[in-house]
């Protein structure tokens, strides 16, 4: 009997630690006609949340706010890793996903706060029917304009709200507040994250540098093509590019290289490069003119 009570107590503690509610206030509602889980998990800065097994069409599994879940702090002006794993569902939809973070804390998921979506992450539709499951690994940058303190993030898997059966469109973006209509399918999850101030001056040049010799980036400003000289050869190196709002732009991986050649596939503006090797990291601003 004592064992049963102990197990029940541990289960209760576990459930309360990541308790869920269905009231999104003060944020907008998210409603689908058919709601089923099609996201396996999310990992933010190493903290994982599992959403359980894939749902079935028509099963009630709609909006959930993980109101008591704690992720590691997101540092303003710094990068954060976000991994997403998606199930392959037995239907033609939903084929899109999106993640917003309310950086300005105005209780609205603004267009500029759309952090990840198909077009800047997996660059294709999500798996349906017999498509294999997909995992998206991204690094975002929290914009320097973000306000410190607790704020809300929203993750949605959904479909085209004009034509649910339309083929994948790389220019389509989900609405953070979907409204129930016939045949719209999906799921929505909210989380709280804590934004903290960065003591590093990220306004110009190198933001942080673990390399003994400063690496060389040229030309900067660039028309798109540029090179990074690491000053020595590394077994592996990854260059991740984000914009000023922290939105993931692209990532390039290299092996046994010293001179890294890249093309910035983005509009004119200021961007952040995060360069990581086995044991070193640096962050640099680059300007595309």
C-alpha atoms as a PDB file:
ATOM      1  CA  UNK A   1       0.000   0.000   0.000  1.00  0.00           C
ATOM      2  CA  UNK A   2       2.830   2.387   0.869  1.00  0.00           C
ATOM      3  CA  UNK A   3       4.441   1.712  -2.503  1.00  0.00           C
ATOM      4  CA  UNK A   4       1.187   2.550  -4.287  1.00  0.00           C
ATOM      5  CA  UNK A   5       0.853   5.806  -2.352  1.00  0.00           C
ATOM      6  CA  UNK A   6       4.479   6.709  -3.107  1.00  0.00           C
ATOM      7  CA  UNK A   7       4.055   5.995  -6.827  1.00  0.00           C
ATOM      8  CA  UNK A   8       0.864   8.058  -6.912  1.00  0.00           C
ATOM      9  CA  UNK A   9       2.632  10.923  -5.143  1.00  0.00           C
ATOM     10  CA  UNK A  10       5.552  10.842  -7.577  1.00  0.00           C
ATOM     11  CA  UNK A  11       3.145  10.781 -10.534  1.00  0.00           C
ATOM     12  CA  UNK A  12       1.239  13.734  -9.079  1.00  0.00           C
ATOM     13  CA  UNK A  13       4.436  15.729  -8.581  1.00  0.00           C
ATOM     14  CA  UNK A  14       5.528  14.949 -12.149  1.00  0.00           C
ATOM     15  CA  UNK A  15       2.186  16.030 -13.574  1.00  0.00           C
ATOM     16  CA  UNK A  16       2.092  19.227 -11.523  1.00  0.00           C
ATOM     17  CA  UNK A  17       5.641  20.090 -12.606  1.00  0.00           C
ATOM     18  CA  UNK A  18       4.439  20.484 -16.194  1.00  0.00           C
ATOM     19  CA  UNK A  19       0.740  21.093 -15.562  1.00  0.00           C
ATOM     20  CA  UNK A  20      -1.370  22.027 -18.561  1.00  0.00           C
ATOM     21  CA  UNK A  21      -4.356  24.319 -18.897  1.00  0.00           C
ATOM     22  CA  UNK A  22      -6.575  25.100 -21.871  1.00  0.00           C
ATOM     23  CA  UNK A  23      -7.087  28.819 -21.254  1.00  0.00           C
ATOM     24  CA  UNK A  24      -4.580  30.872 -23.302  1.00  0.00           C
ATOM     25  CA  UNK A  25      -5.553  34.261 -21.804  1.00  0.00           C
ATOM     26  CA  UNK A  26      -4.379  36.946 -22.229  1.00  0.00           C
ATOM     27  CA  UNK A  27      -3.227  35.455 -25.562  1.00  0.00           C
ATOM     28  CA  UNK A  28      -5.523  34.573 -28.465  1.00  0.00           C
ATOM     29  CA  UNK A  29      -7.270  31.228 -28.744  1.00  0.00           C
ATOM     30  CA  UNK A  30      -6.148  28.515 -31.142  1.00  0.00           C
ATOM     31  CA  UNK A  31      -8.952  26.244 -32.363  1.00  0.00           C
ATOM     32  CA  UNK A  32      -8.975  23.428 -34.922  1.00  0.00           C
ATOM     33  CA  UNK A  33     -12.001  21.402 -36.041  1.00  0.00           C
ATOM     34  CA  UNK A  34      -9.979  18.192 -35.751  1.00  0.00           C
ATOM     35  CA  UNK A  35      -7.318  18.219 -33.089  1.00  0.00           C
ATOM     36  CA  UNK A  36      -4.653  15.582 -32.705  1.00  0.00           C
ATOM     37  CA  UNK A  37      -1.055  15.597 -31.603  1.00  0.00           C
ATOM     38  CA  UNK A  38       1.381  15.439 -34.535  1.00  0.00           C
ATOM     39  CA  UNK A  39       4.476  16.826 -32.763  1.00  0.00           C
ATOM     40  CA  UNK A  40       6.603  14.290 -30.921  1.00  0.00           C
ATOM     41  CA  UNK A  41       8.682  16.686 -28.834  1.00  0.00           C
ATOM     42  CA  UNK A  42      10.448  20.016 -28.526  1.00  0.00           C
ATOM     43  CA  UNK A  43      13.900  20.557 -27.018  1.00  0.00           C
ATOM     44  CA  UNK A  44      14.758  24.150 -26.078  1.00  0.00           C
ATOM     45  CA  UNK A  45      18.294  24.752 -24.792  1.00  0.00           C
ATOM     46  CA  UNK A  46      18.576  21.075 -23.863  1.00  0.00           C
ATOM     47  CA  UNK A  47      15.228  20.850 -22.021  1.00  0.00           C
ATOM     48  CA  UNK A  48      12.864  18.337 -23.666  1.00  0.00           C
ATOM     49  CA  UNK A  49       9.066  18.165 -23.592  1.00  0.00           C
ATOM     50  CA  UNK A  50       7.344  15.066 -24.944  1.00  0.00           C
ATOM     51  CA  UNK A  51       3.805  15.442 -26.309  1.00  0.00           C
ATOM     52  CA  UNK A  52       2.965  11.750 -26.294  1.00  0.00           C
ATOM     53  CA  UNK A  53       1.964   9.474 -29.135  1.00  0.00           C
ATOM     54  CA  UNK A  54       0.530  10.727 -32.396  1.00  0.00           C
ATOM     55  CA  UNK A  55      -3.197  11.412 -32.204  1.00  0.00           C
ATOM     56  CA  UNK A  56      -6.012  10.123 -34.373  1.00  0.00           C
ATOM     57  CA  UNK A  57      -8.234  12.169 -36.645  1.00  0.00           C
ATOM     58  CA  UNK A  58     -11.079  13.692 -34.668  1.00  0.00           C
ATOM     59  CA  UNK A  59      -9.527  12.911 -31.295  1.00  0.00           C
ATOM     60  CA  UNK A  60      -9.750  15.830 -28.915  1.00  0.00           C
ATOM     61  CA  UNK A  61      -6.195  17.062 -28.400  1.00  0.00           C
ATOM     62  CA  UNK A  62      -6.342  20.763 -28.941  1.00  0.00           C
ATOM     63  CA  UNK A  63      -4.700  23.782 -27.300  1.00  0.00           C
ATOM     64  CA  UNK A  64      -2.515  23.116 -24.238  1.00  0.00           C
ATOM     65  CA  UNK A  65      -0.648  25.722 -22.172  1.00  0.00           C
ATOM     66  CA  UNK A  66       2.238  24.177 -20.238  1.00  0.00           C
ATOM     67  CA  UNK A  67       1.876  26.813 -17.548  1.00  0.00           C
ATOM     68  CA  UNK A  68       4.300  25.340 -15.031  1.00  0.00           C
ATOM     69  CA  UNK A  69       7.105  24.206 -17.301  1.00  0.00           C
ATOM     70  CA  UNK A  70      10.609  25.591 -16.811  1.00  0.00           C
ATOM     71  CA  UNK A  71      13.138  25.947 -19.626  1.00  0.00           C
ATOM     72  CA  UNK A  72      16.687  27.309 -19.233  1.00  0.00           C
ATOM     73  CA  UNK A  73      16.796  31.105 -19.533  1.00  0.00           C
ATOM     74  CA  UNK A  74      17.045  32.674 -22.992  1.00  0.00           C
ATOM     75  CA  UNK A  75      19.697  35.408 -22.956  1.00  0.00           C
ATOM     76  CA  UNK A  76      18.831  38.588 -24.866  1.00  0.00           C
ATOM     77  CA  UNK A  77      21.221  39.024 -27.788  1.00  0.00           C
ATOM     78  CA  UNK A  78      22.491  35.437 -27.496  1.00  0.00           C
ATOM     79  CA  UNK A  79      21.691  32.213 -29.339  1.00  0.00           C
ATOM     80  CA  UNK A  80      19.470  29.343 -28.237  1.00  0.00           C
ATOM     81  CA  UNK A  81      19.066  25.840 -29.657  1.00  0.00           C
ATOM     82  CA  UNK A  82      15.599  24.562 -30.562  1.00  0.00           C
ATOM     83  CA  UNK A  83      14.994  21.027 -31.849  1.00  0.00           C
ATOM     84  CA  UNK A  84      11.597  19.798 -33.040  1.00  0.00           C
ATOM     85  CA  UNK A  85      10.532  16.259 -33.924  1.00  0.00           C
ATOM     86  CA  UNK A  86       7.378  15.679 -35.976  1.00  0.00           C
ATOM     87  CA  UNK A  87       5.325  12.514 -36.510  1.00  0.00           C
ATOM     88  CA  UNK A  88       4.301  11.359 -39.964  1.00  0.00           C
ATOM     89  CA  UNK A  89       0.512  11.496 -39.747  1.00  0.00           C
ATOM     90  CA  UNK A  90      -1.859   9.347 -41.810  1.00  0.00           C
ATOM     91  CA  UNK A  91      -3.537  12.355 -43.461  1.00  0.00           C
ATOM     92  CA  UNK A  92      -2.780  14.886 -46.175  1.00  0.00           C
ATOM     93  CA  UNK A  93      -2.560  17.681 -43.640  1.00  0.00           C
ATOM     94  CA  UNK A  94      -1.256  19.470 -41.622  1.00  0.00           C
ATOM     95  CA  UNK A  95       1.984  20.148 -43.484  1.00  0.00           C
ATOM     96  CA  UNK A  96       3.130  23.383 -41.793  1.00  0.00           C
ATOM     97  CA  UNK A  97       4.582  24.351 -38.427  1.00  0.00           C
ATOM     98  CA  UNK A  98       5.516  27.624 -36.736  1.00  0.00           C
ATOM     99  CA  UNK A  99       7.021  28.853 -33.476  1.00  0.00           C
ATOM    100  CA  UNK A 100       6.501  32.358 -32.090  1.00  0.00           C
ATOM    101  CA  UNK A 101       8.098  34.050 -29.058  1.00  0.00           C
ATOM    102  CA  UNK A 102       6.456  37.195 -27.678  1.00  0.00           C
ATOM    103  CA  UNK A 103       9.706  39.163 -27.388  1.00  0.00           C
ATOM    104  CA  UNK A 104       8.037  42.536 -26.738  1.00  0.00           C
ATOM    105  CA  UNK A 105       5.652  41.015 -24.157  1.00  0.00           C
ATOM    106  CA  UNK A 106       2.534  42.708 -25.546  1.00  0.00           C
ATOM    107  CA  UNK A 107       0.416  39.518 -25.271  1.00  0.00           C
ATOM    108  CA  UNK A 108       0.333  39.249 -29.089  1.00  0.00           C
ATOM    109  CA  UNK A 109       2.356  37.019 -31.397  1.00  0.00           C
ATOM    110  CA  UNK A 110       3.460  39.653 -33.901  1.00  0.00           C
ATOM    111  CA  UNK A 111       4.622  38.787 -37.401  1.00  0.00           C
ATOM    112  CA  UNK A 112       8.184  39.832 -36.486  1.00  0.00           C
ATOM    113  CA  UNK A 113       8.111  37.307 -33.619  1.00  0.00           C
ATOM    114  CA  UNK A 114       7.705  34.308 -35.921  1.00  0.00           C
ATOM    115  CA  UNK A 115      10.947  32.520 -35.042  1.00  0.00           C
ATOM    116  CA  UNK A 116      10.797  29.183 -36.906  1.00  0.00           C
ATOM    117  CA  UNK A 117       8.658  27.801 -39.719  1.00  0.00           C
ATOM    118  CA  UNK A 118       8.940  25.444 -42.699  1.00  0.00           C
ATOM    119  CA  UNK A 119      10.542  27.979 -45.028  1.00  0.00           C
ATOM    120  CA  UNK A 120      13.465  28.812 -42.726  1.00  0.00           C
ATOM    121  CA  UNK A 121      13.939  25.430 -41.063  1.00  0.00           C
ATOM    122  CA  UNK A 122      13.107  22.168 -42.850  1.00  0.00           C
ATOM    123  CA  UNK A 123      12.458  24.059 -46.126  1.00  0.00           C
ATOM    124  CA  UNK A 124       9.727  21.579 -47.120  1.00  0.00           C
ATOM    125  CA  UNK A 125       6.340  20.313 -45.985  1.00  0.00           C
ATOM    126  CA  UNK A 126       6.024  18.228 -42.834  1.00  0.00           C
ATOM    127  CA  UNK A 127       5.622  14.444 -43.233  1.00  0.00           C
ATOM    128  CA  UNK A 128       2.193  13.011 -44.121  1.00  0.00           C
ATOM    129  CA  UNK A 129       0.994   9.571 -45.163  1.00  0.00           C
ATOM    130  CA  UNK A 130       4.064   7.370 -45.662  1.00  0.00           C
ATOM    131  CA  UNK A 131       6.627  10.181 -45.420  1.00  0.00           C
ATOM    132  CA  UNK A 132       9.370   9.486 -42.859  1.00  0.00           C
ATOM    133  CA  UNK A 133       9.347  11.361 -39.558  1.00  0.00           C
ATOM    134  CA  UNK A 134      11.283  14.629 -39.488  1.00  0.00           C
ATOM    135  CA  UNK A 135      13.502  16.380 -36.922  1.00  0.00           C
ATOM    136  CA  UNK A 136      14.333  20.070 -37.258  1.00  0.00           C
ATOM    137  CA  UNK A 137      17.480  21.330 -35.490  1.00  0.00           C
ATOM    138  CA  UNK A 138      17.844  25.108 -35.364  1.00  0.00           C
ATOM    139  CA  UNK A 139      19.711  27.850 -33.554  1.00  0.00           C
ATOM    140  CA  UNK A 140      17.921  31.164 -33.076  1.00  0.00           C
ATOM    141  CA  UNK A 141      19.132  34.490 -31.722  1.00  0.00           C
ATOM    142  CA  UNK A 142      17.067  36.430 -29.205  1.00  0.00           C
ATOM    143  CA  UNK A 143      16.860  40.009 -30.550  1.00  0.00           C
ATOM    144  CA  UNK A 144      18.533  42.757 -28.554  1.00  0.00           C
ATOM    145  CA  UNK A 145      15.195  44.600 -28.514  1.00  0.00           C
ATOM    146  CA  UNK A 146      13.512  41.807 -26.502  1.00  0.00           C
ATOM    147  CA  UNK A 147      12.233  42.713 -23.031  1.00  0.00           C
ATOM    148  CA  UNK A 148      13.616  40.867 -20.018  1.00  0.00           C
ATOM    149  CA  UNK A 149      11.302  38.699 -17.934  1.00  0.00           C
ATOM    150  CA  UNK A 150       8.799  35.882 -18.449  1.00  0.00           C
ATOM    151  CA  UNK A 151       7.036  35.709 -21.799  1.00  0.00           C
ATOM    152  CA  UNK A 152       5.075  33.242 -23.921  1.00  0.00           C
ATOM    153  CA  UNK A 153       6.101  30.973 -26.799  1.00  0.00           C
ATOM    154  CA  UNK A 154       3.595  29.244 -29.098  1.00  0.00           C
ATOM    155  CA  UNK A 155       4.164  26.144 -31.233  1.00  0.00           C
ATOM    156  CA  UNK A 156       1.616  25.141 -33.899  1.00  0.00           C
ATOM    157  CA  UNK A 157       1.347  22.395 -36.461  1.00  0.00           C
ATOM    158  CA  UNK A 158      -1.392  23.251 -38.914  1.00  0.00           C
ATOM    159  CA  UNK A 159      -2.434  23.677 -42.517  1.00  0.00           C
ATOM    160  CA  UNK A 160      -3.335  26.231 -45.141  1.00  0.00           C
ATOM    161  CA  UNK A 161      -6.404  28.032 -43.777  1.00  0.00           C
ATOM    162  CA  UNK A 162      -7.588  29.077 -47.240  1.00  0.00           C
ATOM    163  CA  UNK A 163      -7.395  25.680 -48.926  1.00  0.00           C
ATOM    164  CA  UNK A 164      -6.605  22.807 -46.534  1.00  0.00           C
ATOM    165  CA  UNK A 165      -5.819  20.491 -49.454  1.00  0.00           C
ATOM    166  CA  UNK A 166      -3.466  22.857 -51.288  1.00  0.00           C
ATOM    167  CA  UNK A 167       0.027  21.601 -52.074  1.00  0.00           C
ATOM    168  CA  UNK A 168       2.989  22.856 -50.070  1.00  0.00           C
ATOM    169  CA  UNK A 169       3.747  26.553 -50.558  1.00  0.00           C
ATOM    170  CA  UNK A 170       7.150  27.720 -49.281  1.00  0.00           C
ATOM    171  CA  UNK A 171       5.828  31.287 -48.897  1.00  0.00           C
ATOM    172  CA  UNK A 172       2.876  30.339 -46.669  1.00  0.00           C
ATOM    173  CA  UNK A 173       2.958  31.252 -42.948  1.00  0.00           C
ATOM    174  CA  UNK A 174       0.585  29.942 -40.298  1.00  0.00           C
ATOM    175  CA  UNK A 175      -1.667  32.221 -38.279  1.00  0.00           C
ATOM    176  CA  UNK A 176      -0.860  32.077 -34.526  1.00  0.00           C
ATOM    177  CA  UNK A 177      -4.616  32.283 -33.800  1.00  0.00           C
ATOM    178  CA  UNK A 178      -6.292  29.702 -36.077  1.00  0.00           C
ATOM    179  CA  UNK A 179     -10.100  29.701 -36.111  1.00  0.00           C
ATOM    180  CA  UNK A 180     -12.146  26.518 -36.380  1.00  0.00           C
ATOM    181  CA  UNK A 181     -13.478  25.747 -39.850  1.00  0.00           C
ATOM    182  CA  UNK A 182     -14.282  22.627 -41.799  1.00  0.00           C
ATOM    183  CA  UNK A 183     -11.354  20.239 -42.319  1.00  0.00           C
ATOM    184  CA  UNK A 184      -8.727  22.311 -40.495  1.00  0.00           C
ATOM    185  CA  UNK A 185      -6.504  19.971 -38.477  1.00  0.00           C
ATOM    186  CA  UNK A 186      -3.645  20.596 -36.097  1.00  0.00           C
ATOM    187  CA  UNK A 187      -2.375  21.106 -32.556  1.00  0.00           C
ATOM    188  CA  UNK A 188      -1.107  24.048 -30.486  1.00  0.00           C
ATOM    189  CA  UNK A 189       1.175  24.227 -27.434  1.00  0.00           C
ATOM    190  CA  UNK A 190       2.162  27.278 -25.374  1.00  0.00           C
ATOM    191  CA  UNK A 191       5.115  27.617 -22.982  1.00  0.00           C
ATOM    192  CA  UNK A 192       6.627  30.264 -20.750  1.00  0.00           C
ATOM    193  CA  UNK A 193      10.268  31.189 -21.249  1.00  0.00           C
ATOM    194  CA  UNK A 194      12.361  33.624 -19.249  1.00  0.00           C
ATOM    195  CA  UNK A 195      14.411  36.268 -21.061  1.00  0.00           C
ATOM    196  CA  UNK A 196      17.460  37.609 -19.244  1.00  0.00           C
ATOM    197  CA  UNK A 197      19.713  40.561 -19.999  1.00  0.00           C
ATOM    198  CA  UNK A 198      23.025  40.052 -21.760  1.00  0.00           C
ATOM    199  CA  UNK A 199      26.048  41.797 -20.282  1.00  0.00           C
ATOM    200  CA  UNK A 200      27.988  41.448 -23.544  1.00  0.00           C
ATOM    201  CA  UNK A 201      28.061  44.434 -25.910  1.00  0.00           C
ATOM    202  CA  UNK A 202      26.606  43.033 -29.131  1.00  0.00           C
ATOM    203  CA  UNK A 203      26.368  46.261 -31.101  1.00  0.00           C
ATOM    204  CA  UNK A 204      29.476  45.896 -33.233  1.00  0.00           C
ATOM    205  CA  UNK A 205      32.133  43.436 -34.345  1.00  0.00           C
ATOM    206  CA  UNK A 206      32.930  40.269 -32.436  1.00  0.00           C
ATOM    207  CA  UNK A 207      30.405  39.593 -29.675  1.00  0.00           C
ATOM    208  CA  UNK A 208      32.302  36.765 -28.008  1.00  0.00           C
ATOM    209  CA  UNK A 209      35.373  34.808 -29.018  1.00  0.00           C
ATOM    210  CA  UNK A 210      36.874  31.558 -27.718  1.00  0.00           C
ATOM    211  CA  UNK A 211      39.540  31.531 -30.439  1.00  0.00           C
ATOM    212  CA  UNK A 212      43.051  32.492 -29.317  1.00  0.00           C
ATOM    213  CA  UNK A 213      43.532  34.418 -32.571  1.00  0.00           C
ATOM    214  CA  UNK A 214      40.674  36.484 -33.973  1.00  0.00           C
ATOM    215  CA  UNK A 215      39.213  34.806 -37.000  1.00  0.00           C
ATOM    216  CA  UNK A 216      39.052  36.750 -40.248  1.00  0.00           C
ATOM    217  CA  UNK A 217      35.747  37.422 -42.044  1.00  0.00           C
ATOM    218  CA  UNK A 218      35.828  39.124 -45.441  1.00  0.00           C
ATOM    219  CA  UNK A 219      34.425  41.028 -47.163  1.00  0.00           C
ATOM    220  CA  UNK A 220      32.205  42.678 -44.560  1.00  0.00           C
ATOM    221  CA  UNK A 221      29.927  44.325 -45.720  1.00  0.00           C
ATOM    222  CA  UNK A 222      29.246  41.713 -48.405  1.00  0.00           C
ATOM    223  CA  UNK A 223      27.040  41.360 -51.465  1.00  0.00           C
ATOM    224  CA  UNK A 224      26.336  37.783 -50.356  1.00  0.00           C
ATOM    225  CA  UNK A 225      29.501  35.768 -50.916  1.00  0.00           C
ATOM    226  CA  UNK A 226      32.069  35.875 -48.111  1.00  0.00           C
ATOM    227  CA  UNK A 227      34.778  33.778 -46.454  1.00  0.00           C
ATOM    228  CA  UNK A 228      35.788  32.973 -42.883  1.00  0.00           C
ATOM    229  CA  UNK A 229      39.413  32.167 -42.094  1.00  0.00           C
ATOM    230  CA  UNK A 230      39.560  30.217 -38.806  1.00  0.00           C
ATOM    231  CA  UNK A 231      43.380  30.606 -38.722  1.00  0.00           C
ATOM    232  CA  UNK A 232      43.723  26.830 -38.238  1.00  0.00           C
ATOM    233  CA  UNK A 233      42.064  23.645 -39.472  1.00  0.00           C
ATOM    234  CA  UNK A 234      39.267  22.092 -37.392  1.00  0.00           C
ATOM    235  CA  UNK A 235      37.727  18.617 -37.628  1.00  0.00           C
ATOM    236  CA  UNK A 236      34.250  20.146 -37.744  1.00  0.00           C
ATOM    237  CA  UNK A 237      32.774  23.632 -37.845  1.00  0.00           C
ATOM    238  CA  UNK A 238      29.223  24.967 -38.047  1.00  0.00           C
ATOM    239  CA  UNK A 239      28.216  28.477 -39.109  1.00  0.00           C
ATOM    240  CA  UNK A 240      24.664  29.477 -38.142  1.00  0.00           C
ATOM    241  CA  UNK A 241      23.156  32.731 -39.416  1.00  0.00           C
ATOM    242  CA  UNK A 242      20.248  34.556 -37.746  1.00  0.00           C
ATOM    243  CA  UNK A 243      18.699  37.967 -38.290  1.00  0.00           C
ATOM    244  CA  UNK A 244      18.318  40.795 -35.763  1.00  0.00           C
ATOM    245  CA  UNK A 245      14.998  39.334 -34.581  1.00  0.00           C
ATOM    246  CA  UNK A 246      16.642  36.010 -33.839  1.00  0.00           C
ATOM    247  CA  UNK A 247      15.018  34.233 -36.790  1.00  0.00           C
ATOM    248  CA  UNK A 248      17.038  31.331 -38.167  1.00  0.00           C
ATOM    249  CA  UNK A 249      18.295  32.023 -41.717  1.00  0.00           C
ATOM    250  CA  UNK A 250      20.677  29.190 -42.602  1.00  0.00           C
ATOM    251  CA  UNK A 251      23.356  26.856 -41.282  1.00  0.00           C
ATOM    252  CA  UNK A 252      26.469  25.509 -43.009  1.00  0.00           C
ATOM    253  CA  UNK A 253      28.616  22.606 -41.795  1.00  0.00           C
ATOM    254  CA  UNK A 254      32.272  21.932 -42.648  1.00  0.00           C
ATOM    255  CA  UNK A 255      34.800  19.166 -41.985  1.00  0.00           C
ATOM    256  CA  UNK A 256      38.595  19.456 -41.888  1.00  0.00           C
ATOM    257  CA  UNK A 257      38.544  23.062 -43.091  1.00  0.00           C
ATOM    258  CA  UNK A 258      40.241  26.328 -42.214  1.00  0.00           C
ATOM    259  CA  UNK A 259      38.801  28.562 -44.920  1.00  0.00           C
ATOM    260  CA  UNK A 260      34.990  28.514 -44.956  1.00  0.00           C
ATOM    261  CA  UNK A 261      33.184  29.920 -47.988  1.00  0.00           C
ATOM    262  CA  UNK A 262      29.535  30.964 -47.687  1.00  0.00           C
ATOM    263  CA  UNK A 263      26.725  32.708 -49.498  1.00  0.00           C
ATOM    264  CA  UNK A 264      24.278  34.685 -47.361  1.00  0.00           C
ATOM    265  CA  UNK A 265      20.855  33.791 -48.780  1.00  0.00           C
ATOM    266  CA  UNK A 266      18.917  36.699 -47.300  1.00  0.00           C
ATOM    267  CA  UNK A 267      17.825  40.290 -48.074  1.00  0.00           C
ATOM    268  CA  UNK A 268      19.986  43.356 -47.407  1.00  0.00           C
ATOM    269  CA  UNK A 269      20.480  43.899 -43.674  1.00  0.00           C
ATOM    270  CA  UNK A 270      22.503  43.068 -40.561  1.00  0.00           C
ATOM    271  CA  UNK A 271      22.924  39.437 -39.483  1.00  0.00           C
ATOM    272  CA  UNK A 272      24.659  37.433 -36.763  1.00  0.00           C
ATOM    273  CA  UNK A 273      27.077  34.577 -37.465  1.00  0.00           C
ATOM    274  CA  UNK A 274      27.602  31.943 -34.779  1.00  0.00           C
ATOM    275  CA  UNK A 275      30.721  29.897 -35.542  1.00  0.00           C
ATOM    276  CA  UNK A 276      31.216  26.722 -33.516  1.00  0.00           C
ATOM    277  CA  UNK A 277      33.916  24.046 -33.616  1.00  0.00           C
ATOM    278  CA  UNK A 278      34.479  21.075 -31.293  1.00  0.00           C
ATOM    279  CA  UNK A 279      35.473  23.280 -28.371  1.00  0.00           C
ATOM    280  CA  UNK A 280      35.311  26.914 -29.507  1.00  0.00           C
ATOM    281  CA  UNK A 281      32.659  29.455 -30.352  1.00  0.00           C
ATOM    282  CA  UNK A 282      32.511  32.996 -31.677  1.00  0.00           C
ATOM    283  CA  UNK A 283      29.700  35.351 -32.681  1.00  0.00           C
ATOM    284  CA  UNK A 284      30.166  38.054 -35.288  1.00  0.00           C
ATOM    285  CA  UNK A 285      27.932  40.572 -37.044  1.00  0.00           C
ATOM    286  CA  UNK A 286      27.903  40.750 -40.823  1.00  0.00           C
ATOM    287  CA  UNK A 287      26.248  43.290 -43.099  1.00  0.00           C
ATOM    288  CA  UNK A 288      24.706  42.407 -46.438  1.00  0.00           C
ATOM    289  CA  UNK A 289      24.537  45.422 -48.762  1.00  0.00           C
END
